[in-house]
Amino acid sequence: MQSALEGLAWKSFYITYSGFGCNVDMHQRRLGDLIYLHILPDSVSQVKLFNFVGMLNKAFSDAGVKVNHPRKSLFHMTLLRANSSYPVDDMVEHLHDVGSTTIQVCCFDFNGQVFFAQDGCDDPQACNAEAVVAV
């Protein structure tokens, strides 16, 4: 997988987070006790992310690595994982007023190695250790 990523040529792209969701974890022993709040990329950004992951899957497949579970669910970023006593309703009310945020995807971390887009990043600090999003 590492060598497939090292040979990957890709360009940065922008995604906009403009929605949010709240769901109850249905996999825990105490159903309903664990709640997730997450922000969601808009529909155009979802397409960009699915295209990017499709490119990664093809690179893996071309390198002889079988992709057992291609992504089917929507992309999201988890903001909070809380128990049922957390004031989730207050947080959801606050999120209604947040608006949208656009970020550049110009690097990613895989197994401790950072991979950069060919065209780099608009923000030189975007790919420092704290800002890198793990795939």
N, C-alpha and C. Protein backbone atom coordinates (compact mmCIF):
# COMPACT_ATOMS: atom_id res chain seq x y z
N MET A 1 0.82 -1.19 0.00
CA MET A 1 0.00 0.00 0.00
C MET A 1 0.87 1.25 0.00
N GLN A 2 1.91 1.22 0.80
CA GLN A 2 2.80 2.38 0.89
C GLN A 2 3.40 2.71 -0.48
N SER A 3 3.88 1.70 -1.19
CA SER A 3 4.50 1.97 -2.50
C SER A 3 3.47 2.45 -3.51
N ALA A 4 2.23 1.97 -3.42
CA ALA A 4 1.18 2.45 -4.31
C ALA A 4 0.93 3.93 -4.08
N LEU A 5 0.95 4.35 -2.84
CA LEU A 5 0.72 5.77 -2.52
C LEU A 5 1.91 6.63 -2.92
N GLU A 6 3.11 6.08 -2.80
CA GLU A 6 4.30 6.85 -3.18
C GLU A 6 4.29 7.19 -4.67
N GLY A 7 3.69 6.34 -5.49
CA GLY A 7 3.63 6.59 -6.93
C GLY A 7 2.38 7.34 -7.36
N LEU A 8 1.55 7.72 -6.43
CA LEU A 8 0.27 8.37 -6.74
C LEU A 8 0.48 9.83 -7.09
N ALA A 9 -0.05 10.24 -8.24
CA ALA A 9 -0.01 11.64 -8.65
C ALA A 9 -1.43 12.19 -8.52
N TRP A 10 -1.60 13.19 -7.67
CA TRP A 10 -2.93 13.78 -7.48
C TRP A 10 -2.82 15.27 -7.24
N LYS A 11 -3.91 15.96 -7.48
CA LYS A 11 -3.97 17.41 -7.28
C LYS A 11 -4.87 17.72 -6.10
N SER A 12 -4.55 18.81 -5.43
CA SER A 12 -5.35 19.23 -4.29
C SER A 12 -6.76 19.61 -4.76
N PHE A 13 -7.67 19.63 -3.80
CA PHE A 13 -9.04 20.04 -4.10
C PHE A 13 -9.65 20.64 -2.84
N TYR A 14 -10.74 21.34 -3.01
CA TYR A 14 -11.40 22.00 -1.90
C TYR A 14 -12.70 21.29 -1.57
N ILE A 15 -12.98 21.19 -0.27
CA ILE A 15 -14.26 20.66 0.16
C ILE A 15 -14.89 21.66 1.13
N THR A 16 -16.21 21.70 1.09
CA THR A 16 -16.96 22.61 1.95
C THR A 16 -17.82 21.80 2.90
N TYR A 17 -17.62 22.04 4.19
CA TYR A 17 -18.46 21.45 5.22
C TYR A 17 -19.61 22.42 5.46
N SER A 18 -20.84 21.96 5.23
CA SER A 18 -21.97 22.87 5.34
C SER A 18 -23.17 22.28 6.08
N GLY A 19 -23.07 21.05 6.51
CA GLY A 19 -24.18 20.45 7.23
C GLY A 19 -23.67 19.74 8.46
N PHE A 20 -24.59 19.28 9.27
CA PHE A 20 -24.18 18.53 10.45
C PHE A 20 -25.19 17.44 10.72
N GLY A 21 -24.77 16.48 11.50
CA GLY A 21 -25.65 15.38 11.85
C GLY A 21 -25.42 14.93 13.27
N CYS A 22 -26.35 14.19 13.77
CA CYS A 22 -26.29 13.65 15.12
C CYS A 22 -26.83 12.24 15.04
N ASN A 23 -26.11 11.29 15.58
CA ASN A 23 -26.63 9.93 15.58
C ASN A 23 -26.26 9.19 16.87
N VAL A 24 -27.07 8.22 17.18
CA VAL A 24 -26.88 7.39 18.36
C VAL A 24 -26.17 6.11 17.93
N ASP A 25 -25.13 5.73 18.66
CA ASP A 25 -24.40 4.51 18.35
C ASP A 25 -25.27 3.30 18.65
N MET A 26 -25.49 2.47 17.66
CA MET A 26 -26.34 1.28 17.82
C MET A 26 -25.51 0.01 18.03
N HIS A 27 -24.20 0.16 18.24
CA HIS A 27 -23.32 -1.01 18.37
C HIS A 27 -22.84 -1.25 19.80
N GLN A 28 -23.15 -0.36 20.69
CA GLN A 28 -22.71 -0.50 22.08
C GLN A 28 -23.66 -1.41 22.86
N ARG A 29 -23.18 -1.93 23.97
CA ARG A 29 -24.03 -2.78 24.82
C ARG A 29 -25.21 -2.00 25.37
N ARG A 30 -24.97 -0.77 25.79
CA ARG A 30 -26.05 0.07 26.32
C ARG A 30 -26.52 0.97 25.19
N LEU A 31 -27.45 0.49 24.40
CA LEU A 31 -27.93 1.24 23.24
C LEU A 31 -28.42 2.63 23.65
N GLY A 32 -28.03 3.60 22.85
CA GLY A 32 -28.48 4.97 23.09
C GLY A 32 -27.61 5.75 24.04
N ASP A 33 -26.59 5.15 24.62
CA ASP A 33 -25.76 5.88 25.58
C ASP A 33 -24.64 6.66 24.91
N LEU A 34 -24.26 6.32 23.69
CA LEU A 34 -23.17 6.99 23.00
C LEU A 34 -23.73 7.77 21.81
N ILE A 35 -23.43 9.06 21.75
CA ILE A 35 -23.98 9.95 20.74
C ILE A 35 -22.82 10.61 19.99
N TYR A 36 -22.96 10.70 18.66
CA TYR A 36 -21.96 11.35 17.83
C TYR A 36 -22.56 12.60 17.19
N LEU A 37 -21.79 13.68 17.19
CA LEU A 37 -22.12 14.87 16.42
C LEU A 37 -21.04 15.00 15.35
N HIS A 38 -21.46 15.22 14.12
CA HIS A 38 -20.48 15.33 13.05
C HIS A 38 -20.91 16.39 12.03
N ILE A 39 -19.91 16.95 11.35
CA ILE A 39 -20.19 17.88 10.26
C ILE A 39 -20.02 17.14 8.95
N LEU A 40 -20.79 17.57 7.95
CA LEU A 40 -20.84 16.87 6.68
C LEU A 40 -20.42 17.77 5.52
N PRO A 41 -19.60 17.25 4.62
CA PRO A 41 -19.31 18.00 3.40
C PRO A 41 -20.58 18.10 2.55
N ASP A 42 -20.69 19.18 1.77
CA ASP A 42 -21.83 19.34 0.88
C ASP A 42 -21.78 18.29 -0.24
N SER A 43 -22.81 18.24 -1.07
CA SER A 43 -22.91 17.17 -2.08
C SER A 43 -21.79 17.23 -3.12
N VAL A 44 -21.39 18.42 -3.52
CA VAL A 44 -20.28 18.55 -4.48
C VAL A 44 -18.99 18.01 -3.86
N SER A 45 -18.77 18.33 -2.60
CA SER A 45 -17.58 17.85 -1.90
C SER A 45 -17.61 16.34 -1.69
N GLN A 46 -18.80 15.80 -1.44
CA GLN A 46 -18.93 14.34 -1.31
C GLN A 46 -18.44 13.66 -2.60
N VAL A 47 -18.84 14.21 -3.74
CA VAL A 47 -18.40 13.65 -5.03
C VAL A 47 -16.89 13.72 -5.15
N LYS A 48 -16.30 14.85 -4.79
CA LYS A 48 -14.84 15.00 -4.85
C LYS A 48 -14.15 13.97 -3.96
N LEU A 49 -14.67 13.78 -2.76
CA LEU A 49 -14.06 12.82 -1.83
C LEU A 49 -14.22 11.38 -2.33
N PHE A 50 -15.39 11.04 -2.87
CA PHE A 50 -15.57 9.69 -3.43
C PHE A 50 -14.65 9.48 -4.62
N ASN A 51 -14.46 10.51 -5.45
CA ASN A 51 -13.53 10.39 -6.58
C ASN A 51 -12.10 10.17 -6.09
N PHE A 52 -11.71 10.90 -5.05
CA PHE A 52 -10.37 10.75 -4.50
C PHE A 52 -10.16 9.35 -3.95
N VAL A 53 -11.11 8.86 -3.18
CA VAL A 53 -10.99 7.52 -2.61
C VAL A 53 -11.02 6.47 -3.73
N GLY A 54 -11.80 6.71 -4.78
CA GLY A 54 -11.80 5.81 -5.93
C GLY A 54 -10.42 5.73 -6.57
N MET A 55 -9.74 6.88 -6.65
CA MET A 55 -8.38 6.92 -7.19
C MET A 55 -7.43 6.13 -6.29
N LEU A 56 -7.57 6.29 -4.97
CA LEU A 56 -6.74 5.52 -4.04
C LEU A 56 -7.01 4.02 -4.18
N ASN A 57 -8.28 3.65 -4.26
CA ASN A 57 -8.63 2.23 -4.41
C ASN A 57 -8.04 1.65 -5.69
N LYS A 58 -8.08 2.43 -6.77
CA LYS A 58 -7.51 1.95 -8.04
C LYS A 58 -6.00 1.77 -7.91
N ALA A 59 -5.34 2.71 -7.25
CA ALA A 59 -3.88 2.59 -7.05
C ALA A 59 -3.57 1.33 -6.25
N PHE A 60 -4.36 1.06 -5.22
CA PHE A 60 -4.15 -0.16 -4.44
C PHE A 60 -4.39 -1.40 -5.29
N SER A 61 -5.48 -1.40 -6.02
CA SER A 61 -5.82 -2.54 -6.87
C SER A 61 -4.74 -2.79 -7.92
N ASP A 62 -4.27 -1.71 -8.56
CA ASP A 62 -3.20 -1.84 -9.56
C ASP A 62 -1.92 -2.39 -8.96
N ALA A 63 -1.72 -2.16 -7.65
CA ALA A 63 -0.52 -2.65 -6.96
C ALA A 63 -0.74 -4.06 -6.41
N GLY A 64 -1.92 -4.63 -6.68
CA GLY A 64 -2.19 -5.99 -6.22
C GLY A 64 -2.78 -6.09 -4.82
N VAL A 65 -3.22 -4.94 -4.27
CA VAL A 65 -3.82 -4.93 -2.94
C VAL A 65 -5.34 -4.93 -3.12
N LYS A 66 -6.00 -5.95 -2.57
CA LYS A 66 -7.45 -6.05 -2.70
C LYS A 66 -8.12 -5.07 -1.73
N VAL A 67 -9.07 -4.31 -2.25
CA VAL A 67 -9.86 -3.40 -1.42
C VAL A 67 -11.14 -4.15 -1.05
N ASN A 68 -11.21 -4.61 0.18
CA ASN A 68 -12.33 -5.45 0.62
C ASN A 68 -13.62 -4.69 0.85
N HIS A 69 -13.52 -3.47 1.34
CA HIS A 69 -14.72 -2.71 1.69
C HIS A 69 -14.63 -1.30 1.12
N PRO A 70 -14.93 -1.14 -0.17
CA PRO A 70 -14.91 0.22 -0.73
C PRO A 70 -15.92 1.11 0.00
N ARG A 71 -15.59 2.35 0.16
CA ARG A 71 -16.46 3.28 0.91
C ARG A 71 -17.81 3.44 0.22
N LYS A 72 -18.85 3.34 1.01
CA LYS A 72 -20.21 3.53 0.50
C LYS A 72 -20.96 4.61 1.29
N SER A 73 -20.58 4.82 2.54
CA SER A 73 -21.29 5.80 3.36
C SER A 73 -20.72 7.20 3.14
N LEU A 74 -21.52 8.21 3.46
CA LEU A 74 -21.09 9.59 3.28
C LEU A 74 -19.89 9.92 4.16
N PHE A 75 -19.07 10.83 3.68
CA PHE A 75 -17.93 11.32 4.44
C PHE A 75 -18.44 12.29 5.51
N HIS A 76 -17.74 12.33 6.62
CA HIS A 76 -18.09 13.24 7.71
C HIS A 76 -16.87 13.42 8.60
N MET A 77 -16.93 14.42 9.45
CA MET A 77 -15.89 14.64 10.45
C MET A 77 -16.57 14.64 11.82
N THR A 78 -16.16 13.73 12.67
CA THR A 78 -16.77 13.65 14.00
C THR A 78 -16.24 14.79 14.86
N LEU A 79 -17.17 15.57 15.38
CA LEU A 79 -16.82 16.67 16.27
C LEU A 79 -16.82 16.25 17.73
N LEU A 80 -17.73 15.36 18.06
CA LEU A 80 -17.94 15.05 19.46
C LEU A 80 -18.48 13.64 19.61
N ARG A 81 -17.96 12.95 20.57
CA ARG A 81 -18.48 11.64 20.97
C ARG A 81 -18.82 11.78 22.45
N ALA A 82 -20.09 11.68 22.77
CA ALA A 82 -20.52 11.98 24.15
C ALA A 82 -21.49 10.93 24.65
N ASN A 83 -21.65 10.89 25.98
CA ASN A 83 -22.67 10.01 26.53
C ASN A 83 -24.00 10.75 26.54
N SER A 84 -25.05 10.04 26.87
CA SER A 84 -26.39 10.61 26.75
C SER A 84 -26.66 11.75 27.74
N SER A 85 -25.80 11.97 28.71
CA SER A 85 -26.02 13.08 29.64
C SER A 85 -25.47 14.40 29.11
N TYR A 86 -24.71 14.37 28.01
CA TYR A 86 -24.17 15.60 27.42
C TYR A 86 -25.32 16.43 26.83
N PRO A 87 -25.26 17.76 26.92
CA PRO A 87 -26.35 18.59 26.39
C PRO A 87 -26.32 18.67 24.85
N VAL A 88 -26.62 17.55 24.21
CA VAL A 88 -26.56 17.45 22.75
C VAL A 88 -27.49 18.46 22.09
N ASP A 89 -28.68 18.66 22.64
CA ASP A 89 -29.64 19.60 22.05
C ASP A 89 -29.05 21.01 21.96
N ASP A 90 -28.32 21.43 23.00
CA ASP A 90 -27.69 22.75 22.98
C ASP A 90 -26.63 22.84 21.89
N MET A 91 -25.86 21.78 21.75
CA MET A 91 -24.81 21.75 20.72
C MET A 91 -25.43 21.80 19.33
N VAL A 92 -26.48 21.03 19.09
CA VAL A 92 -27.15 21.02 17.79
C VAL A 92 -27.71 22.41 17.49
N GLU A 93 -28.29 23.06 18.48
CA GLU A 93 -28.81 24.41 18.28
C GLU A 93 -27.69 25.37 17.88
N HIS A 94 -26.54 25.25 18.51
CA HIS A 94 -25.39 26.09 18.18
C HIS A 94 -24.91 25.82 16.75
N LEU A 95 -24.88 24.56 16.35
CA LEU A 95 -24.39 24.21 15.02
C LEU A 95 -25.26 24.79 13.91
N HIS A 96 -26.52 25.03 14.18
CA HIS A 96 -27.39 25.64 13.18
C HIS A 96 -26.86 26.99 12.73
N ASP A 97 -26.13 27.69 13.60
CA ASP A 97 -25.67 29.04 13.31
C ASP A 97 -24.22 29.11 12.83
N VAL A 98 -23.58 27.98 12.66
CA VAL A 98 -22.15 27.97 12.34
C VAL A 98 -21.87 28.36 10.89
N GLY A 99 -22.72 27.99 9.95
CA GLY A 99 -22.47 28.30 8.54
C GLY A 99 -21.65 27.22 7.89
N SER A 100 -20.79 27.61 6.96
CA SER A 100 -19.98 26.61 6.26
C SER A 100 -18.50 26.97 6.32
N THR A 101 -17.68 25.97 6.11
CA THR A 101 -16.23 26.13 6.11
C THR A 101 -15.66 25.37 4.92
N THR A 102 -14.76 26.00 4.18
CA THR A 102 -14.10 25.35 3.05
C THR A 102 -12.64 25.13 3.39
N ILE A 103 -12.15 23.92 3.12
CA ILE A 103 -10.75 23.60 3.37
C ILE A 103 -10.14 22.98 2.11
N GLN A 104 -8.85 23.09 2.01
CA GLN A 104 -8.11 22.49 0.90
C GLN A 104 -7.58 21.13 1.35
N VAL A 105 -7.84 20.12 0.55
CA VAL A 105 -7.26 18.79 0.78
C VAL A 105 -6.01 18.74 -0.09
N CYS A 106 -4.85 18.81 0.58
CA CYS A 106 -3.60 18.88 -0.18
C CYS A 106 -2.55 17.91 0.36
N CYS A 107 -2.93 17.14 1.39
CA CYS A 107 -2.04 16.15 1.94
C CYS A 107 -2.85 15.16 2.75
N PHE A 108 -2.27 14.02 3.00
CA PHE A 108 -2.89 13.05 3.91
C PHE A 108 -1.80 12.20 4.52
N ASP A 109 -2.10 11.62 5.66
CA ASP A 109 -1.18 10.78 6.39
C ASP A 109 -1.60 9.33 6.25
N PHE A 110 -0.66 8.49 5.92
CA PHE A 110 -0.93 7.06 5.89
C PHE A 110 0.23 6.36 6.58
N ASN A 111 -0.07 5.71 7.68
CA ASN A 111 0.94 4.94 8.40
C ASN A 111 2.14 5.80 8.80
N GLY A 112 1.88 7.04 9.17
CA GLY A 112 2.95 7.92 9.63
C GLY A 112 3.69 8.66 8.54
N GLN A 113 3.36 8.43 7.28
CA GLN A 113 4.01 9.14 6.18
C GLN A 113 3.00 10.10 5.56
N VAL A 114 3.44 11.35 5.33
CA VAL A 114 2.57 12.37 4.74
C VAL A 114 2.77 12.36 3.24
N PHE A 115 1.65 12.32 2.51
CA PHE A 115 1.66 12.36 1.05
C PHE A 115 1.04 13.68 0.60
N PHE A 116 1.75 14.39 -0.28
CA PHE A 116 1.33 15.72 -0.71
C PHE A 116 0.79 15.68 -2.14
N ALA A 117 -0.14 16.59 -2.41
CA ALA A 117 -0.64 16.79 -3.76
C ALA A 117 0.47 17.37 -4.62
N GLN A 118 0.42 17.10 -5.92
CA GLN A 118 1.45 17.62 -6.83
C GLN A 118 1.51 19.14 -6.82
N ASP A 119 0.35 19.78 -6.68
CA ASP A 119 0.32 21.24 -6.74
C ASP A 119 0.50 21.90 -5.37
N GLY A 120 0.75 21.10 -4.35
CA GLY A 120 1.03 21.65 -3.03
C GLY A 120 -0.20 22.22 -2.34
N CYS A 121 0.07 23.08 -1.36
CA CYS A 121 -0.99 23.66 -0.53
C CYS A 121 -0.94 25.17 -0.62
N ASP A 122 -2.11 25.79 -0.60
CA ASP A 122 -2.17 27.25 -0.56
C ASP A 122 -1.62 27.77 0.77
N ASP A 123 -1.86 27.03 1.83
CA ASP A 123 -1.39 27.40 3.16
C ASP A 123 -0.19 26.53 3.51
N PRO A 124 1.00 27.10 3.59
CA PRO A 124 2.20 26.30 3.84
C PRO A 124 2.15 25.51 5.15
N GLN A 125 1.33 25.94 6.11
CA GLN A 125 1.23 25.25 7.39
C GLN A 125 0.14 24.16 7.37
N ALA A 126 -0.56 24.01 6.26
CA ALA A 126 -1.70 23.09 6.19
C ALA A 126 -1.31 21.64 6.46
N CYS A 127 -0.11 21.28 6.16
CA CYS A 127 0.29 19.89 6.31
C CYS A 127 1.29 19.68 7.44
N ASN A 128 1.22 20.52 8.46
CA ASN A 128 2.06 20.24 9.61
C ASN A 128 1.46 19.07 10.37
N ALA A 129 2.16 18.53 11.30
CA ALA A 129 1.76 17.29 11.98
C ALA A 129 0.39 17.39 12.63
N GLU A 130 0.02 18.56 13.14
CA GLU A 130 -1.27 18.69 13.80
C GLU A 130 -2.43 18.78 12.81
N ALA A 131 -2.18 19.25 11.60
CA ALA A 131 -3.26 19.51 10.66
C ALA A 131 -3.53 18.34 9.71
N VAL A 132 -2.65 17.38 9.65
CA VAL A 132 -2.81 16.29 8.70
C VAL A 132 -3.96 15.39 9.12
N VAL A 133 -4.83 15.09 8.18
CA VAL A 133 -5.96 14.20 8.44
C VAL A 133 -5.57 12.80 8.03
N ALA A 134 -5.72 11.85 8.92
CA ALA A 134 -5.37 10.47 8.62
C ALA A 134 -6.42 9.84 7.73
N VAL A 135 -5.98 9.05 6.76
CA VAL A 135 -6.90 8.33 5.86
C VAL A 135 -7.16 6.96 6.44
